[in-house]
Amino acid sequence: MGHPLATGLGFLASAALKAGIMTTIAKTAPNRWVDVALTGLIIGAGSKPVHDALSQIQSTKSSKEAGATTAKQGTGSLTDALGIGG
């Protein structure tokens, strides 16, 4: 199926089923038509682009968490290196 056709069908499915990704994950109610459009794009794109995007988000989050852990472990290392304290 062509990408424009799949996207169009995604929009129709999202509107007909009243499905909205932003409604599911947002704390406040989003604009209905923006939600339908975004959900339609996700449906039309299929699972591979969505999986790739989620993998990228997870990778970025893991990198940030690893950086925070490294920064915490480094606390006090200057005083240890200089022989100051405990």
Protein backbone atom coordinates (compact mmCIF):
# COMPACT_ATOMS: atom_id res chain seq x y z
CA MET A 1 0.00 0.00 0.00
CA GLY A 2 1.35 3.43 -0.86
CA HIS A 3 2.37 5.76 1.93
CA PRO A 4 -0.20 8.51 1.12
CA LEU A 5 -3.00 5.95 0.99
CA ALA A 6 -1.90 4.35 4.25
CA THR A 7 -1.71 7.75 5.94
CA GLY A 8 -5.18 8.67 4.69
CA LEU A 9 -6.59 5.41 5.97
CA GLY A 10 -4.79 6.03 9.27
CA PHE A 11 -6.51 9.44 9.57
CA LEU A 12 -9.90 7.88 8.82
CA ALA A 13 -9.36 5.04 11.29
CA SER A 14 -8.23 7.43 14.01
CA ALA A 15 -11.23 9.70 13.51
CA ALA A 16 -13.75 6.86 13.21
CA LEU A 17 -12.47 5.01 16.28
CA LYS A 18 -11.94 8.23 18.26
CA ALA A 19 -8.42 6.99 18.92
CA GLY A 20 -5.83 9.50 19.99
CA ILE A 21 -2.25 8.92 21.09
CA MET A 22 -1.97 12.33 22.74
CA THR A 23 -5.19 11.76 24.69
CA THR A 24 -3.65 8.58 26.05
CA ILE A 25 -0.29 10.04 27.13
CA ALA A 26 -1.01 13.72 27.83
CA LYS A 27 -1.99 15.11 31.22
CA THR A 28 -4.21 17.74 29.62
CA ALA A 29 -6.71 17.29 26.80
CA PRO A 30 -5.06 18.06 23.44
CA ASN A 31 -6.72 19.63 20.40
CA ARG A 32 -8.90 16.83 18.98
CA TRP A 33 -7.88 17.31 15.34
CA VAL A 34 -4.18 17.56 16.12
CA ASP A 35 -4.54 14.32 18.07
CA VAL A 36 -6.38 12.65 15.17
CA ALA A 37 -3.72 13.85 12.69
CA LEU A 38 -0.80 12.64 14.81
CA THR A 39 -2.46 9.29 15.49
CA GLY A 40 -3.31 8.92 11.79
CA LEU A 41 0.32 9.57 10.84
CA ILE A 42 1.50 6.95 13.33
CA ILE A 43 -1.05 4.40 12.09
CA GLY A 44 -0.20 5.17 8.45
CA ALA A 45 3.54 4.96 9.01
CA GLY A 46 3.31 1.46 10.42
CA SER A 47 5.27 -0.22 13.15
CA LYS A 48 8.88 0.15 11.93
CA PRO A 49 9.19 3.97 12.15
CA VAL A 50 7.35 3.96 15.49
CA HIS A 51 9.65 1.24 16.83
CA ASP A 52 12.72 3.14 15.60
CA ALA A 53 11.54 6.37 17.26
CA LEU A 54 10.84 4.61 20.57
CA SER A 55 14.25 2.91 20.43
CA GLN A 56 15.92 6.29 19.89
CA ILE A 57 14.05 7.80 22.84
CA GLN A 58 15.03 4.87 25.05
CA SER A 59 18.66 5.12 23.95
CA THR A 60 18.76 8.85 24.72
CA LYS A 61 17.18 8.27 28.13
CA SER A 62 19.68 5.51 28.95
CA SER A 63 22.59 7.74 27.93
CA LYS A 64 21.35 10.56 30.19
CA GLU A 65 20.87 8.16 33.11
CA ALA A 66 24.37 6.74 32.61
CA GLY A 67 25.81 10.28 32.57
CA ALA A 68 24.00 11.12 35.81
CA THR A 69 25.35 7.96 37.47
CA THR A 70 28.90 8.78 36.35
CA ALA A 71 28.57 12.32 37.70
CA LYS A 72 27.36 11.01 41.07
CA GLN A 73 30.25 8.52 41.26
CA GLY A 74 32.73 11.31 40.55
CA THR A 75 31.59 13.40 43.53
CA GLY A 76 34.48 13.88 45.95
CA SER A 77 37.12 12.52 43.59
CA LEU A 78 39.08 15.83 43.63
CA THR A 79 39.27 15.76 47.42
CA ASP A 80 40.32 12.13 47.30
CA ALA A 81 43.00 12.90 44.71
CA LEU A 82 44.38 15.75 46.82
CA GLY A 83 44.25 13.70 50.01
CA ILE A 84 41.87 16.13 51.67
CA GLY A 85 39.26 14.88 54.09
CA GLY A 86 38.36 11.48 55.59
